[in-house]
Amino acid sequence: MLKIRIEQLSEFEDGMRRDLLRRMLLYLREYFPECCDEKEDAVLQDFVEASLMRATELGFYFEQEVLKYLGLEVIYGAGFYNKYKWASEILVREDLFYPEDKMEALYDVAIKHLKAEA
């Protein structure tokens, strides 16, 4: 029988996390160059790590949801759900049980706000 020690599992999780953070950084550079091109990787890395922490605290665990959340933080600011009533209202809606439903609602409303501002 194959046994995995706790240390091995921890190393595996750390590797997966590093890979996710790398992909998030690439996502920022690709889709938000106007915000990120002038910033050093270390600064963006700190932002990405903090954003990932906030996303998981809100229940967003899947990569697609986390990347959308990261984009919303770039556009509206870190912890935007504390600044914008529409975002905080979506996050507490009881009819949106699943995190992907909350993210879809957040994203849809955010896009509507951006279009209205343009």
N, C-alpha and C. Protein backbone atom coordinates (compact mmCIF):
# COMPACT_ATOMS: atom_id res chain seq x y z
N MET A 1 0.84 -1.18 0.00
CA MET A 1 0.00 0.00 0.00
C MET A 1 0.89 1.24 0.00
N LEU A 2 0.52 2.20 -0.81
CA LEU A 2 1.23 3.47 -0.91
C LEU A 2 0.82 4.37 0.24
N LYS A 3 1.80 4.90 0.95
CA LYS A 3 1.51 5.84 2.04
C LYS A 3 2.14 7.18 1.73
N ILE A 4 1.37 8.21 1.97
CA ILE A 4 1.87 9.57 1.78
C ILE A 4 2.03 10.21 3.14
N ARG A 5 3.24 10.65 3.39
CA ARG A 5 3.49 11.32 4.67
C ARG A 5 2.93 12.74 4.62
N ILE A 6 2.65 13.28 5.79
CA ILE A 6 2.13 14.65 5.91
C ILE A 6 3.07 15.64 5.23
N GLU A 7 4.37 15.44 5.38
CA GLU A 7 5.35 16.35 4.77
C GLU A 7 5.22 16.34 3.24
N GLN A 8 5.00 15.15 2.67
CA GLN A 8 4.86 15.04 1.22
C GLN A 8 3.60 15.75 0.76
N LEU A 9 2.52 15.58 1.48
CA LEU A 9 1.27 16.23 1.14
C LEU A 9 1.42 17.74 1.22
N SER A 10 2.10 18.21 2.24
CA SER A 10 2.32 19.64 2.41
C SER A 10 3.15 20.20 1.25
N GLU A 11 4.18 19.48 0.83
CA GLU A 11 5.00 19.92 -0.30
C GLU A 11 4.17 19.96 -1.58
N PHE A 12 3.31 18.99 -1.75
CA PHE A 12 2.44 18.94 -2.92
C PHE A 12 1.51 20.15 -2.92
N GLU A 13 0.90 20.46 -1.78
CA GLU A 13 0.00 21.61 -1.67
C GLU A 13 0.75 22.91 -1.91
N ASP A 14 1.96 23.02 -1.36
CA ASP A 14 2.76 24.23 -1.57
C ASP A 14 3.08 24.42 -3.04
N GLY A 15 3.41 23.34 -3.72
CA GLY A 15 3.70 23.41 -5.15
C GLY A 15 2.49 23.84 -5.96
N MET A 16 1.33 23.31 -5.60
CA MET A 16 0.10 23.70 -6.30
C MET A 16 -0.21 25.17 -6.06
N ARG A 17 0.00 25.63 -4.84
CA ARG A 17 -0.26 27.04 -4.51
C ARG A 17 0.70 27.96 -5.28
N ARG A 18 1.97 27.60 -5.33
CA ARG A 18 2.94 28.41 -6.07
C ARG A 18 2.56 28.47 -7.55
N ASP A 19 2.11 27.35 -8.09
CA ASP A 19 1.72 27.30 -9.50
C ASP A 19 0.49 28.19 -9.74
N LEU A 20 -0.48 28.15 -8.83
CA LEU A 20 -1.66 29.00 -8.95
C LEU A 20 -1.26 30.48 -8.88
N LEU A 21 -0.39 30.83 -7.94
CA LEU A 21 0.04 32.22 -7.82
C LEU A 21 0.76 32.68 -9.08
N ARG A 22 1.55 31.80 -9.69
CA ARG A 22 2.25 32.12 -10.93
C ARG A 22 1.23 32.39 -12.04
N ARG A 23 0.21 31.53 -12.15
CA ARG A 23 -0.81 31.72 -13.18
C ARG A 23 -1.60 33.01 -12.94
N MET A 24 -1.85 33.34 -11.69
CA MET A 24 -2.57 34.58 -11.37
C MET A 24 -1.75 35.79 -11.79
N LEU A 25 -0.45 35.73 -11.56
CA LEU A 25 0.43 36.82 -11.95
C LEU A 25 0.44 36.98 -13.47
N LEU A 26 0.52 35.88 -14.19
CA LEU A 26 0.47 35.92 -15.66
C LEU A 26 -0.86 36.48 -16.15
N TYR A 27 -1.94 36.11 -15.48
CA TYR A 27 -3.28 36.61 -15.81
C TYR A 27 -3.31 38.14 -15.68
N LEU A 28 -2.77 38.65 -14.58
CA LEU A 28 -2.74 40.11 -14.40
C LEU A 28 -1.95 40.79 -15.50
N ARG A 29 -0.80 40.26 -15.79
CA ARG A 29 0.06 40.87 -16.82
C ARG A 29 -0.60 40.82 -18.20
N GLU A 30 -1.34 39.76 -18.49
CA GLU A 30 -1.97 39.61 -19.80
C GLU A 30 -3.22 40.46 -19.94
N TYR A 31 -4.10 40.43 -18.94
CA TYR A 31 -5.40 41.08 -19.08
C TYR A 31 -5.48 42.48 -18.49
N PHE A 32 -4.52 42.86 -17.68
CA PHE A 32 -4.52 44.20 -17.08
C PHE A 32 -3.15 44.86 -17.23
N PRO A 33 -2.64 44.93 -18.45
CA PRO A 33 -1.29 45.48 -18.63
C PRO A 33 -1.18 46.94 -18.20
N GLU A 34 -2.26 47.70 -18.36
CA GLU A 34 -2.21 49.13 -18.01
C GLU A 34 -2.01 49.33 -16.51
N CYS A 35 -2.41 48.36 -15.71
CA CYS A 35 -2.24 48.45 -14.26
C CYS A 35 -0.95 47.78 -13.78
N CYS A 36 -0.44 46.87 -14.57
CA CYS A 36 0.60 45.99 -14.06
C CYS A 36 1.96 46.13 -14.72
N ASP A 37 2.02 46.67 -15.93
CA ASP A 37 3.29 46.71 -16.65
C ASP A 37 4.39 47.47 -15.91
N GLU A 38 4.02 48.49 -15.20
CA GLU A 38 5.01 49.32 -14.50
C GLU A 38 5.41 48.75 -13.14
N LYS A 39 4.70 47.73 -12.68
CA LYS A 39 4.94 47.21 -11.32
C LYS A 39 5.88 46.02 -11.35
N GLU A 40 6.70 45.95 -10.33
CA GLU A 40 7.63 44.83 -10.19
C GLU A 40 6.86 43.58 -9.79
N ASP A 41 7.44 42.42 -10.13
CA ASP A 41 6.80 41.15 -9.80
C ASP A 41 6.54 41.01 -8.30
N ALA A 42 7.46 41.48 -7.48
CA ALA A 42 7.30 41.34 -6.02
C ALA A 42 6.07 42.10 -5.53
N VAL A 43 5.82 43.27 -6.07
CA VAL A 43 4.65 44.07 -5.68
C VAL A 43 3.37 43.36 -6.12
N LEU A 44 3.37 42.88 -7.35
CA LEU A 44 2.20 42.16 -7.85
C LEU A 44 1.99 40.86 -7.11
N GLN A 45 3.08 40.20 -6.77
CA GLN A 45 2.98 38.94 -6.02
C GLN A 45 2.29 39.17 -4.68
N ASP A 46 2.66 40.23 -3.99
CA ASP A 46 2.01 40.56 -2.72
C ASP A 46 0.51 40.81 -2.91
N PHE A 47 0.18 41.56 -3.97
CA PHE A 47 -1.22 41.85 -4.26
C PHE A 47 -1.99 40.56 -4.56
N VAL A 48 -1.38 39.69 -5.37
CA VAL A 48 -2.02 38.42 -5.74
C VAL A 48 -2.24 37.55 -4.52
N GLU A 49 -1.25 37.45 -3.65
CA GLU A 49 -1.40 36.62 -2.44
C GLU A 49 -2.50 37.15 -1.53
N ALA A 50 -2.55 38.47 -1.35
CA ALA A 50 -3.59 39.06 -0.51
C ALA A 50 -4.97 38.88 -1.15
N SER A 51 -5.04 39.03 -2.45
CA SER A 51 -6.30 38.85 -3.16
C SER A 51 -6.78 37.41 -3.07
N LEU A 52 -5.86 36.47 -3.21
CA LEU A 52 -6.21 35.05 -3.08
C LEU A 52 -6.76 34.76 -1.69
N MET A 53 -6.16 35.35 -0.67
CA MET A 53 -6.64 35.14 0.69
C MET A 53 -8.06 35.68 0.85
N ARG A 54 -8.30 36.89 0.33
CA ARG A 54 -9.65 37.46 0.43
C ARG A 54 -10.66 36.62 -0.36
N ALA A 55 -10.27 36.16 -1.53
CA ALA A 55 -11.17 35.34 -2.35
C ALA A 55 -11.57 34.07 -1.63
N THR A 56 -10.60 33.40 -1.02
CA THR A 56 -10.92 32.15 -0.33
C THR A 56 -11.74 32.41 0.93
N GLU A 57 -11.51 33.53 1.60
CA GLU A 57 -12.32 33.88 2.76
C GLU A 57 -13.79 34.07 2.37
N LEU A 58 -14.01 34.49 1.13
CA LEU A 58 -15.38 34.70 0.63
C LEU A 58 -15.98 33.42 0.05
N GLY A 59 -15.19 32.36 0.02
CA GLY A 59 -15.69 31.07 -0.47
C GLY A 59 -15.37 30.78 -1.92
N PHE A 60 -14.52 31.58 -2.54
CA PHE A 60 -14.12 31.34 -3.93
C PHE A 60 -12.84 30.50 -3.94
N TYR A 61 -12.97 29.27 -4.38
CA TYR A 61 -11.84 28.33 -4.35
C TYR A 61 -11.40 27.87 -5.73
N PHE A 62 -12.32 27.86 -6.68
CA PHE A 62 -11.96 27.39 -8.01
C PHE A 62 -11.20 28.47 -8.76
N GLU A 63 -10.25 28.04 -9.56
CA GLU A 63 -9.35 28.98 -10.22
C GLU A 63 -10.08 30.02 -11.04
N GLN A 64 -11.09 29.63 -11.79
CA GLN A 64 -11.82 30.58 -12.61
C GLN A 64 -12.47 31.67 -11.76
N GLU A 65 -13.04 31.28 -10.62
CA GLU A 65 -13.66 32.26 -9.72
C GLU A 65 -12.60 33.18 -9.13
N VAL A 66 -11.48 32.61 -8.74
CA VAL A 66 -10.40 33.39 -8.12
C VAL A 66 -9.84 34.39 -9.12
N LEU A 67 -9.67 33.98 -10.38
CA LEU A 67 -9.16 34.90 -11.39
C LEU A 67 -10.14 36.05 -11.64
N LYS A 68 -11.42 35.75 -11.68
CA LYS A 68 -12.42 36.81 -11.84
C LYS A 68 -12.39 37.75 -10.64
N TYR A 69 -12.27 37.17 -9.44
CA TYR A 69 -12.19 37.99 -8.24
C TYR A 69 -10.96 38.91 -8.31
N LEU A 70 -9.85 38.35 -8.73
CA LEU A 70 -8.62 39.14 -8.86
C LEU A 70 -8.84 40.31 -9.82
N GLY A 71 -9.49 40.04 -10.94
CA GLY A 71 -9.79 41.12 -11.88
C GLY A 71 -10.66 42.20 -11.27
N LEU A 72 -11.65 41.79 -10.49
CA LEU A 72 -12.51 42.77 -9.82
C LEU A 72 -11.72 43.61 -8.84
N GLU A 73 -10.77 43.01 -8.17
CA GLU A 73 -9.94 43.79 -7.23
C GLU A 73 -9.03 44.76 -7.98
N VAL A 74 -8.56 44.38 -9.14
CA VAL A 74 -7.74 45.31 -9.93
C VAL A 74 -8.58 46.52 -10.33
N ILE A 75 -9.80 46.26 -10.76
CA ILE A 75 -10.66 47.34 -11.26
C ILE A 75 -11.23 48.19 -10.13
N TYR A 76 -11.74 47.54 -9.08
CA TYR A 76 -12.46 48.25 -8.02
C TYR A 76 -11.67 48.45 -6.73
N GLY A 77 -10.52 47.80 -6.62
CA GLY A 77 -9.70 47.96 -5.42
C GLY A 77 -9.80 46.76 -4.49
N ALA A 78 -8.76 46.59 -3.71
CA ALA A 78 -8.71 45.49 -2.74
C ALA A 78 -9.87 45.60 -1.75
N GLY A 79 -10.53 44.48 -1.51
CA GLY A 79 -11.66 44.49 -0.60
C GLY A 79 -12.82 45.33 -1.09
N PHE A 80 -12.99 45.38 -2.42
CA PHE A 80 -14.02 46.23 -3.04
C PHE A 80 -15.41 45.99 -2.48
N TYR A 81 -15.66 44.79 -1.99
CA TYR A 81 -16.99 44.46 -1.47
C TYR A 81 -17.33 45.26 -0.21
N ASN A 82 -16.32 45.83 0.43
CA ASN A 82 -16.56 46.71 1.58
C ASN A 82 -16.86 48.14 1.14
N LYS A 83 -16.52 48.48 -0.09
CA LYS A 83 -16.68 49.85 -0.57
C LYS A 83 -17.92 50.04 -1.44
N TYR A 84 -18.34 48.96 -2.07
CA TYR A 84 -19.45 49.05 -3.01
C TYR A 84 -20.64 48.25 -2.51
N LYS A 85 -21.74 48.96 -2.31
CA LYS A 85 -22.94 48.33 -1.75
C LYS A 85 -23.43 47.18 -2.63
N TRP A 86 -23.39 47.36 -3.93
CA TRP A 86 -23.87 46.31 -4.84
C TRP A 86 -23.09 45.01 -4.63
N ALA A 87 -21.80 45.11 -4.36
CA ALA A 87 -20.98 43.91 -4.17
C ALA A 87 -21.30 43.23 -2.84
N SER A 88 -21.40 44.02 -1.77
CA SER A 88 -21.69 43.42 -0.47
C SER A 88 -23.08 42.79 -0.45
N GLU A 89 -24.03 43.41 -1.16
CA GLU A 89 -25.38 42.84 -1.22
C GLU A 89 -25.39 41.49 -1.93
N ILE A 90 -24.62 41.38 -2.98
CA ILE A 90 -24.55 40.11 -3.71
C ILE A 90 -23.95 39.01 -2.84
N LEU A 91 -22.91 39.35 -2.10
CA LEU A 91 -22.21 38.34 -1.30
C LEU A 91 -23.06 37.78 -0.16
N VAL A 92 -24.08 38.51 0.28
CA VAL A 92 -24.93 38.01 1.37
C VAL A 92 -26.27 37.48 0.89
N ARG A 93 -26.50 37.49 -0.40
CA ARG A 93 -27.77 36.99 -0.93
C ARG A 93 -27.93 35.50 -0.64
N GLU A 94 -29.04 35.16 -0.04
CA GLU A 94 -29.30 33.77 0.32
C GLU A 94 -29.73 32.93 -0.87
N ASP A 95 -30.25 33.57 -1.90
CA ASP A 95 -30.67 32.81 -3.09
C ASP A 95 -29.47 32.42 -3.96
N LEU A 96 -28.31 32.97 -3.66
CA LEU A 96 -27.08 32.60 -4.37
C LEU A 96 -26.27 31.71 -3.44
N PHE A 97 -26.61 30.44 -3.43
CA PHE A 97 -26.00 29.50 -2.49
C PHE A 97 -24.57 29.12 -2.89
N TYR A 98 -24.37 28.89 -4.17
CA TYR A 98 -23.08 28.40 -4.64
C TYR A 98 -22.14 29.56 -4.95
N PRO A 99 -20.87 29.40 -4.64
CA PRO A 99 -19.90 30.47 -4.91
C PRO A 99 -19.86 30.89 -6.39
N GLU A 100 -20.01 29.92 -7.29
CA GLU A 100 -19.96 30.29 -8.71
C GLU A 100 -21.14 31.17 -9.09
N ASP A 101 -22.28 31.00 -8.41
CA ASP A 101 -23.44 31.88 -8.67
C ASP A 101 -23.17 33.29 -8.16
N LYS A 102 -22.54 33.38 -7.00
CA LYS A 102 -22.20 34.70 -6.45
C LYS A 102 -21.20 35.41 -7.36
N MET A 103 -20.20 34.65 -7.84
CA MET A 103 -19.20 35.27 -8.71
C MET A 103 -19.83 35.72 -10.02
N GLU A 104 -20.69 34.90 -10.57
CA GLU A 104 -21.36 35.28 -11.81
C GLU A 104 -22.17 36.57 -11.61
N ALA A 105 -22.88 36.66 -10.49
CA ALA A 105 -23.65 37.87 -10.20
C ALA A 105 -22.73 39.07 -10.00
N LEU A 106 -21.66 38.90 -9.25
CA LEU A 106 -20.69 39.99 -9.04
C LEU A 106 -20.13 40.48 -10.37
N TYR A 107 -19.73 39.55 -11.17
CA TYR A 107 -19.11 39.89 -12.45
C TYR A 107 -20.10 40.59 -13.37
N ASP A 108 -21.32 40.08 -13.43
CA ASP A 108 -22.34 40.70 -14.29
C ASP A 108 -22.64 42.13 -13.86
N VAL A 109 -22.82 42.34 -12.58
CA VAL A 109 -23.13 43.69 -12.08
C VAL A 109 -21.92 44.61 -12.26
N ALA A 110 -20.73 44.10 -12.03
CA ALA A 110 -19.53 44.91 -12.21
C ALA A 110 -19.39 45.37 -13.66
N ILE A 111 -19.66 44.47 -14.61
CA ILE A 111 -19.59 44.84 -16.02
C ILE A 111 -20.63 45.91 -16.34
N LYS A 112 -21.82 45.79 -15.81
CA LYS A 112 -22.87 46.79 -16.03
C LYS A 112 -22.43 48.15 -15.50
N HIS A 113 -21.81 48.17 -14.33
CA HIS A 113 -21.32 49.43 -13.76
C HIS A 113 -20.21 50.03 -14.62
N LEU A 114 -19.33 49.18 -15.11
CA LEU A 114 -18.25 49.69 -15.97
C LEU A 114 -18.80 50.28 -17.26
N LYS A 115 -19.79 49.61 -17.85
CA LYS A 115 -20.38 50.11 -19.09
C LYS A 115 -21.12 51.42 -18.85
N ALA A 116 -21.77 51.53 -17.69
CA ALA A 116 -22.50 52.76 -17.36
C ALA A 116 -21.54 53.94 -17.15
N GLU A 117 -20.34 53.64 -16.64
CA GLU A 117 -19.36 54.69 -16.40
C GLU A 117 -18.66 55.15 -17.68
N ALA A 118 -18.66 54.29 -18.68
CA ALA A 118 -17.92 54.59 -19.93
C ALA A 118 -18.62 55.62 -20.78
